[in-house]
PDB file of N, CA and C in Angstrom:
ATOM      1  N   MET A   1       4.434   1.387 -13.360  1.00  0.00           N
ATOM      2  CA  MET A   1       3.109   1.912 -13.016  1.00  0.00           C
ATOM      3  C   MET A   1       2.003   1.692 -14.600  1.00  0.00           C
ATOM      4  N   THR A   2       1.357   0.394 -14.235  1.00  0.00           N
ATOM      5  CA  THR A   2       0.802   0.836 -15.354  1.00  0.00           C
ATOM      6  C   THR A   2       0.065   1.662 -15.338  1.00  0.00           C
ATOM      7  N   SER A   3      -1.203   1.638 -16.774  1.00  0.00           N
ATOM      8  CA  SER A   3      -2.466   2.661 -16.503  1.00  0.00           C
ATOM      9  C   SER A   3      -3.585   2.393 -16.284  1.00  0.00           C
ATOM     10  N   LYS A   4      -3.998   1.035 -16.115  1.00  0.00           N
ATOM     11  CA  LYS A   4      -5.209   0.862 -15.772  1.00  0.00           C
ATOM     12  C   LYS A   4      -5.475   0.697 -14.254  1.00  0.00           C
ATOM     13  N   PRO A   5      -6.980   0.909 -14.322  1.00  0.00           N
ATOM     14  CA  PRO A   5      -7.504   1.787 -12.951  1.00  0.00           C
ATOM     15  C   PRO A   5      -6.903   0.320 -11.980  1.00  0.00           C
ATOM     16  N   LEU A   6      -6.756   0.248 -10.780  1.00  0.00           N
ATOM     17  CA  LEU A   6      -6.280  -0.609 -10.118  1.00  0.00           C
ATOM     18  C   LEU A   6      -8.010  -1.223  -8.468  1.00  0.00           C
ATOM     19  N   ILE A   7      -7.921  -2.033  -8.917  1.00  0.00           N
ATOM     20  CA  ILE A   7      -9.303  -2.385  -7.888  1.00  0.00           C
ATOM     21  C   ILE A   7      -9.118  -3.353  -6.733  1.00  0.00           C
ATOM     22  N   GLY A   8     -10.237  -3.328  -5.657  1.00  0.00           N
ATOM     23  CA  GLY A   8      -9.985  -4.345  -4.955  1.00  0.00           C
ATOM     24  C   GLY A   8      -9.130  -3.734  -3.792  1.00  0.00           C
ATOM     25  N   ILE A   9      -8.217  -5.195  -3.577  1.00  0.00           N
ATOM     26  CA  ILE A   9      -7.039  -5.245  -2.498  1.00  0.00           C
ATOM     27  C   ILE A   9      -5.925  -4.596  -3.308  1.00  0.00           C
ATOM     28  N   GLU A  10      -5.321  -4.314  -4.040  1.00  0.00           N
ATOM     29  CA  GLU A  10      -4.814  -4.108  -5.008  1.00  0.00           C
ATOM     30  C   GLU A  10      -4.544  -2.840  -4.946  1.00  0.00           C
ATOM     31  N   GLY A  11      -6.077  -1.946  -5.317  1.00  0.00           N
ATOM     32  CA  GLY A  11      -6.131  -0.255  -5.602  1.00  0.00           C
ATOM     33  C   GLY A  11      -5.781  -0.043  -3.727  1.00  0.00           C
ATOM     34  N   THR A  12      -6.465  -0.637  -2.845  1.00  0.00           N
ATOM     35  CA  THR A  12      -6.519  -0.275  -1.667  1.00  0.00           C
ATOM     36  C   THR A  12      -5.142   0.046  -1.030  1.00  0.00           C
ATOM     37  N   VAL A  13      -4.219  -1.356  -1.539  1.00  0.00           N
ATOM     38  CA  VAL A  13      -2.512  -1.026  -0.766  1.00  0.00           C
ATOM     39  C   VAL A  13      -1.812  -0.229  -1.581  1.00  0.00           C
ATOM     40  N   ILE A  14      -2.142   0.093  -2.537  1.00  0.00           N
ATOM     41  CA  ILE A  14      -1.559   1.213  -3.404  1.00  0.00           C
ATOM     42  C   ILE A  14      -1.935   2.794  -2.840  1.00  0.00           C
ATOM     43  N   LYS A  15      -3.521   2.712  -2.208  1.00  0.00           N
ATOM     44  CA  LYS A  15      -4.026   3.785  -1.820  1.00  0.00           C
ATOM     45  C   LYS A  15      -2.971   4.486  -0.275  1.00  0.00           C
ATOM     46  N   ALA A  16      -3.100   3.282   0.309  1.00  0.00           N
ATOM     47  CA  ALA A  16      -2.531   2.962   1.805  1.00  0.00           C
ATOM     48  C   ALA A  16      -1.343   3.439   1.291  1.00  0.00           C
ATOM     49  N   PHE A  17      -0.171   2.888   0.386  1.00  0.00           N
ATOM     50  CA  PHE A  17       1.091   3.329   0.666  1.00  0.00           C
ATOM     51  C   PHE A  17       1.812   4.705   0.389  1.00  0.00           C
ATOM     52  N   ALA A  18       0.843   5.189  -0.483  1.00  0.00           N
ATOM     53  CA  ALA A  18       1.172   6.536  -0.752  1.00  0.00           C
ATOM     54  C   ALA A  18       0.257   7.331   0.089  1.00  0.00           C
ATOM     55  N   ILE A  19      -0.822   7.139   1.059  1.00  0.00           N
ATOM     56  CA  ILE A  19      -1.380   8.120   2.289  1.00  0.00           C
ATOM     57  C   ILE A  19       0.182   8.113   3.472  1.00  0.00           C
ATOM     58  N   SER A  20       0.511   6.799   3.509  1.00  0.00           N
ATOM     59  CA  SER A  20       0.849   6.572   5.021  1.00  0.00           C
ATOM     60  C   SER A  20       2.795   7.050   4.518  1.00  0.00           C
ATOM     61  N   ARG A  21       2.816   6.910   3.536  1.00  0.00           N
ATOM     62  CA  ARG A  21       4.304   7.669   3.381  1.00  0.00           C
ATOM     63  C   ARG A  21       4.085   9.353   2.993  1.00  0.00           C
ATOM     64  N   ASN A  22       3.136   9.462   3.496  1.00  0.00           N
ATOM     65  CA  ASN A  22       2.896  11.578   3.454  1.00  0.00           C
ATOM     66  C   ASN A  22       3.428  11.482   4.736  1.00  0.00           C
ATOM     67  N   TYR A  23       3.177  10.497   6.076  1.00  0.00           N
ATOM     68  CA  TYR A  23       3.659  10.592   7.606  1.00  0.00           C
ATOM     69  C   TYR A  23       4.653  10.383   8.130  1.00  0.00           C
ATOM     70  N   SER A  24       5.095   8.473   7.579  1.00  0.00           N
ATOM     71  CA  SER A  24       6.683   8.488   8.134  1.00  0.00           C
ATOM     72  C   SER A  24       6.824   7.245   7.596  1.00  0.00           C
ATOM     73  N   GLN A  25       8.565   7.421   6.626  1.00  0.00           N
ATOM     74  CA  GLN A  25       8.734   5.841   6.375  1.00  0.00           C
ATOM     75  C   GLN A  25       8.996   4.710   7.196  1.00  0.00           C
ATOM     76  N   ILE A  26       9.280   4.887   8.276  1.00  0.00           N
ATOM     77  CA  ILE A  26       8.676   3.656   9.037  1.00  0.00           C
ATOM     78  C   ILE A  26       8.092   3.090   8.898  1.00  0.00           C
ATOM     79  N   GLN A  27       6.910   4.113   9.486  1.00  0.00           N
ATOM     80  CA  GLN A  27       5.450   3.462  10.072  1.00  0.00           C
ATOM     81  C   GLN A  27       5.377   2.823   8.766  1.00  0.00           C
ATOM     82  N   ASN A  28       5.116   3.654   7.373  1.00  0.00           N
ATOM     83  CA  ASN A  28       5.018   3.428   6.073  1.00  0.00           C
ATOM     84  C   ASN A  28       5.506   1.210   5.685  1.00  0.00           C
ATOM     85  N   SER A  29       6.875   1.657   5.667  1.00  0.00           N
ATOM     86  CA  SER A  29       7.852   0.116   6.161  1.00  0.00           C
ATOM     87  C   SER A  29       6.815  -0.693   6.291  1.00  0.00           C
ATOM     88  N   CYS A  30       6.635  -0.863   7.799  1.00  0.00           N
ATOM     89  CA  CYS A  30       5.463  -1.244   8.482  1.00  0.00           C
ATOM     90  C   CYS A  30       4.165  -2.057   8.001  1.00  0.00           C
ATOM     91  N   ILE A  31       3.190  -0.638   7.712  1.00  0.00           N
ATOM     92  CA  ILE A  31       2.365  -0.788   7.389  1.00  0.00           C
ATOM     93  C   ILE A  31       2.610  -1.823   5.855  1.00  0.00           C
ATOM     94  N   ILE A  32       3.413  -2.242   4.728  1.00  0.00           N
ATOM     95  CA  ILE A  32       3.598  -2.446   3.649  1.00  0.00           C
ATOM     96  C   ILE A  32       4.196  -4.019   3.564  1.00  0.00           C
ATOM     97  N   GLN A  33       5.073  -3.850   5.265  1.00  0.00           N
ATOM     98  CA  GLN A  33       4.578  -5.436   4.888  1.00  0.00           C
ATOM     99  C   GLN A  33       3.380  -6.316   6.345  1.00  0.00           C
ATOM    100  N   GLU A  34       2.840  -5.131   7.071  1.00  0.00           N
ATOM    101  CA  GLU A  34       1.261  -6.275   7.437  1.00  0.00           C
ATOM    102  C   GLU A  34       0.615  -6.250   5.717  1.00  0.00           C
ATOM    103  N   PHE A  35       0.533  -5.623   5.102  1.00  0.00           N
ATOM    104  CA  PHE A  35      -0.437  -5.980   3.432  1.00  0.00           C
ATOM    105  C   PHE A  35       0.128  -7.080   2.996  1.00  0.00           C
ATOM    106  N   GLN A  36       1.526  -7.250   2.805  1.00  0.00           N
ATOM    107  CA  GLN A  36       2.851  -8.507   2.532  1.00  0.00           C
ATOM    108  C   GLN A  36       2.036 -10.278   3.182  1.00  0.00           C
ATOM    109  N   LYS A  37       1.911  -9.636   4.399  1.00  0.00           N
ATOM    110  CA  LYS A  37       1.413 -11.166   5.027  1.00  0.00           C
ATOM    111  C   LYS A  37       0.001 -11.137   4.262  1.00  0.00           C
ATOM    112  N   MET A  38      -0.904  -9.969   4.749  1.00  0.00           N
ATOM    113  CA  MET A  38      -2.278 -10.541   4.470  1.00  0.00           C
ATOM    114  C   MET A  38      -2.189 -11.374   3.046  1.00  0.00           C
ATOM    115  N   LEU A  39      -1.519 -11.020   2.130  1.00  0.00           N
ATOM    116  CA  LEU A  39      -2.047 -11.101   0.265  1.00  0.00           C
ATOM    117  C   LEU A  39      -1.053 -12.391  -0.190  1.00  0.00           C
ATOM    118  N   VAL A  40       0.014 -13.023   1.423  1.00  0.00           N
ATOM    119  CA  VAL A  40       0.199 -13.674   0.427  1.00  0.00           C
ATOM    120  C   VAL A  40      -0.322 -15.184   1.016  1.00  0.00           C
TER     121      VAL A  40
END
């Protein structure tokens, strides 16, 4: 992880990853896959 602040989509993905991880690892995996589809 770099120390520079994340902005825009990248920052949103990181936040969503951290938040969803607290609820469910399975759900988290699905969310990350959806973000990856959006970013490609």
